[in-house]
């Protein structure tokens, strides 16, 4: 039995219920430039999707070990072309948004580099500047697991939350 994806409903919940509750309950900076979405694996993929669906809510996305093979299959343009066209049409214009990607070289992450390179070309073609509004990092020997992500979580956080003129 096949289930319909609930990614739109998940993002709607974050944007329309969870974020407003947090902003009303806690002392936050609710503006777009202070609001980011981040996740690992499929969470990385939905974080990028969140940025495309809600560019007025999110100032950027952190996509850690993004699970590209679920959307892009090597040598299958029937799948790749529509997905890449979606990214070209939906990623918000650079200048007001930041995008962070990374991947390791072991386990499932070892399959991501060719897909990430294709996405990097799209992001670059859209005018994002590597190091300031966009970053992609490769972590030699890192696998697709929480301990690997824990070791580097400070890097996307610093990139996304730090001053725009202080990117490395």
Protein backbone atom coordinates (compact mmCIF):
# COMPACT_ATOMS: atom_id res chain seq x y z
CA UNK A 1 0.00 0.00 0.00
CA UNK A 2 1.48 3.32 -1.10
CA UNK A 3 1.06 6.38 1.07
CA UNK A 4 0.91 9.94 -0.20
CA UNK A 5 3.81 12.14 0.90
CA UNK A 6 2.95 14.49 3.74
CA UNK A 7 5.83 16.92 3.24
CA UNK A 8 3.52 19.87 2.49
CA UNK A 9 1.49 19.17 5.61
CA UNK A 10 4.68 18.86 7.68
CA UNK A 11 5.93 22.24 6.46
CA UNK A 12 2.50 23.79 6.92
CA UNK A 13 2.55 22.59 10.55
CA UNK A 14 6.00 24.13 11.12
CA UNK A 15 5.10 27.46 9.49
CA UNK A 16 1.47 27.89 10.58
CA UNK A 17 1.42 26.18 13.99
CA UNK A 18 4.83 25.44 15.51
CA UNK A 19 6.72 28.63 14.62
CA UNK A 20 3.86 30.96 15.65
CA UNK A 21 3.55 29.09 18.96
CA UNK A 22 7.29 29.35 19.64
CA UNK A 23 7.36 33.03 18.64
CA UNK A 24 4.39 33.78 20.91
CA UNK A 25 5.73 31.78 23.86
CA UNK A 26 9.43 32.61 23.82
CA UNK A 27 11.55 35.65 23.17
CA UNK A 28 12.57 35.05 19.56
CA UNK A 29 13.60 36.99 16.52
CA UNK A 30 10.76 35.89 14.24
CA UNK A 31 11.88 37.73 11.10
CA UNK A 32 12.84 35.80 7.99
CA UNK A 33 16.49 36.84 8.24
CA UNK A 34 16.61 35.25 11.72
CA UNK A 35 14.67 32.07 10.87
CA UNK A 36 16.29 28.98 9.38
CA UNK A 37 15.31 25.39 8.75
CA UNK A 38 17.80 22.53 8.98
CA UNK A 39 17.82 18.77 8.91
CA UNK A 40 19.84 15.72 7.99
CA UNK A 41 19.19 13.05 5.37
CA UNK A 42 15.53 13.36 4.31
CA UNK A 43 15.40 16.24 6.78
CA UNK A 44 18.00 18.00 4.62
CA UNK A 45 15.86 17.48 1.56
CA UNK A 46 12.71 18.79 3.22
CA UNK A 47 14.67 21.75 4.59
CA UNK A 48 15.54 22.77 1.03
CA UNK A 49 11.91 22.19 0.06
CA UNK A 50 10.86 24.37 3.01
CA UNK A 51 13.02 27.19 1.70
CA UNK A 52 11.44 26.88 -1.76
CA UNK A 53 7.88 26.78 -0.38
CA UNK A 54 8.30 29.48 2.28
CA UNK A 55 11.04 31.90 1.19
CA UNK A 56 9.30 34.69 3.11
CA UNK A 57 9.51 32.68 6.35
CA UNK A 58 12.98 31.10 6.12
CA UNK A 59 16.17 33.04 5.52
CA UNK A 60 18.05 29.87 4.71
CA UNK A 61 18.26 26.11 4.83
CA UNK A 62 20.82 23.75 6.31
CA UNK A 63 20.87 20.51 4.33
CA UNK A 64 23.13 17.99 6.07
CA UNK A 65 23.81 14.71 4.23
CA UNK A 66 20.89 15.48 1.95
CA UNK A 67 19.31 12.26 0.72
CA UNK A 68 19.45 13.09 -3.01
CA UNK A 69 19.03 9.54 -4.35
CA UNK A 70 15.38 9.56 -3.36
CA UNK A 71 14.84 12.36 -5.88
CA UNK A 72 17.65 11.92 -8.40
CA UNK A 73 18.63 8.60 -9.90
CA UNK A 74 21.87 8.41 -11.81
CA UNK A 75 21.31 8.23 -15.55
CA UNK A 76 17.55 8.77 -15.33
CA UNK A 77 16.69 12.12 -16.94
CA UNK A 78 12.96 11.42 -16.62
CA UNK A 79 13.42 11.87 -12.87
CA UNK A 80 16.35 14.30 -12.80
CA UNK A 81 15.06 16.90 -15.27
CA UNK A 82 11.77 17.71 -13.51
CA UNK A 83 13.47 17.84 -10.12
CA UNK A 84 16.28 20.11 -11.34
CA UNK A 85 13.75 22.29 -13.18
CA UNK A 86 11.82 22.60 -9.92
CA UNK A 87 14.98 23.73 -8.12
CA UNK A 88 15.82 26.26 -10.85
CA UNK A 89 12.31 27.73 -10.68
CA UNK A 90 11.78 27.51 -6.92
CA UNK A 91 15.00 28.25 -5.06
CA UNK A 92 14.63 31.89 -4.04
CA UNK A 93 16.88 34.45 -5.64
CA UNK A 94 20.23 34.92 -3.92
CA UNK A 95 20.99 37.94 -1.82
CA UNK A 96 18.49 37.39 0.98
CA UNK A 97 18.85 33.65 1.56
CA UNK A 98 21.62 31.24 2.51
CA UNK A 99 21.91 27.57 1.65
CA UNK A 100 24.25 25.08 3.31
CA UNK A 101 24.91 21.55 2.02
CA UNK A 102 27.30 18.87 3.19
CA UNK A 103 27.96 15.18 2.78
CA UNK A 104 30.39 12.52 3.94
CA UNK A 105 32.22 9.87 1.97
CA UNK A 106 31.17 6.71 3.84
CA UNK A 107 27.99 4.65 4.15
CA UNK A 108 24.97 6.14 2.37
CA UNK A 109 26.71 9.53 2.20
CA UNK A 110 29.27 7.97 -0.14
CA UNK A 111 26.60 8.00 -2.88
CA UNK A 112 25.74 11.71 -2.59
CA UNK A 113 28.66 13.52 -4.23
CA UNK A 114 27.56 13.22 -7.89
CA UNK A 115 24.07 14.40 -6.99
CA UNK A 116 25.41 17.24 -4.87
CA UNK A 117 27.62 18.42 -7.72
CA UNK A 118 24.58 18.69 -10.00
CA UNK A 119 22.66 20.65 -7.37
CA UNK A 120 25.71 22.85 -6.78
CA UNK A 121 25.71 23.78 -10.48
CA UNK A 122 22.05 24.78 -10.25
CA UNK A 123 22.69 26.90 -7.15
CA UNK A 124 25.73 28.52 -8.76
CA UNK A 125 23.83 29.19 -11.99
CA UNK A 126 21.14 30.95 -9.94
CA UNK A 127 23.78 33.39 -8.71
CA UNK A 128 24.49 32.12 -5.21
CA UNK A 129 28.07 32.89 -4.18
CA UNK A 130 30.02 30.00 -2.72
CA UNK A 131 31.21 30.88 0.76
CA UNK A 132 28.87 33.80 1.36
CA UNK A 133 25.31 32.84 0.40
CA UNK A 134 25.93 29.15 -0.24
CA UNK A 135 28.30 26.52 1.03
CA UNK A 136 28.84 22.87 0.19
CA UNK A 137 31.33 20.89 2.24
CA UNK A 138 32.63 17.33 1.85
CA UNK A 139 33.67 15.45 4.99
CA UNK A 140 36.18 12.71 4.26
CA UNK A 141 35.44 9.54 6.21
CA UNK A 142 32.14 10.80 7.61
CA UNK A 143 29.16 8.48 7.46
CA UNK A 144 25.40 8.87 7.35
CA UNK A 145 24.66 8.88 11.07
CA UNK A 146 23.99 11.06 14.08
CA UNK A 147 27.51 10.87 15.52
CA UNK A 148 28.95 12.18 12.21
CA UNK A 149 26.37 14.99 12.09
CA UNK A 150 26.99 15.86 15.74
CA UNK A 151 30.69 16.31 15.00
CA UNK A 152 29.96 19.02 12.40
CA UNK A 153 26.65 20.61 13.39
CA UNK A 154 28.48 23.75 14.49
CA UNK A 155 29.57 24.41 10.89
CA UNK A 156 26.13 24.90 9.31
CA UNK A 157 24.92 26.73 12.42
CA UNK A 158 27.80 29.18 12.20
CA UNK A 159 27.27 29.62 8.46
CA UNK A 160 23.52 30.19 8.72
CA UNK A 161 23.39 32.17 11.95
CA UNK A 162 26.59 34.17 11.66
CA UNK A 163 26.94 37.57 10.03
CA UNK A 164 26.52 37.51 6.25
CA UNK A 165 29.88 39.22 5.74
CA UNK A 166 31.73 36.68 7.90
CA UNK A 167 31.31 33.48 5.88
CA UNK A 168 34.19 31.11 5.22
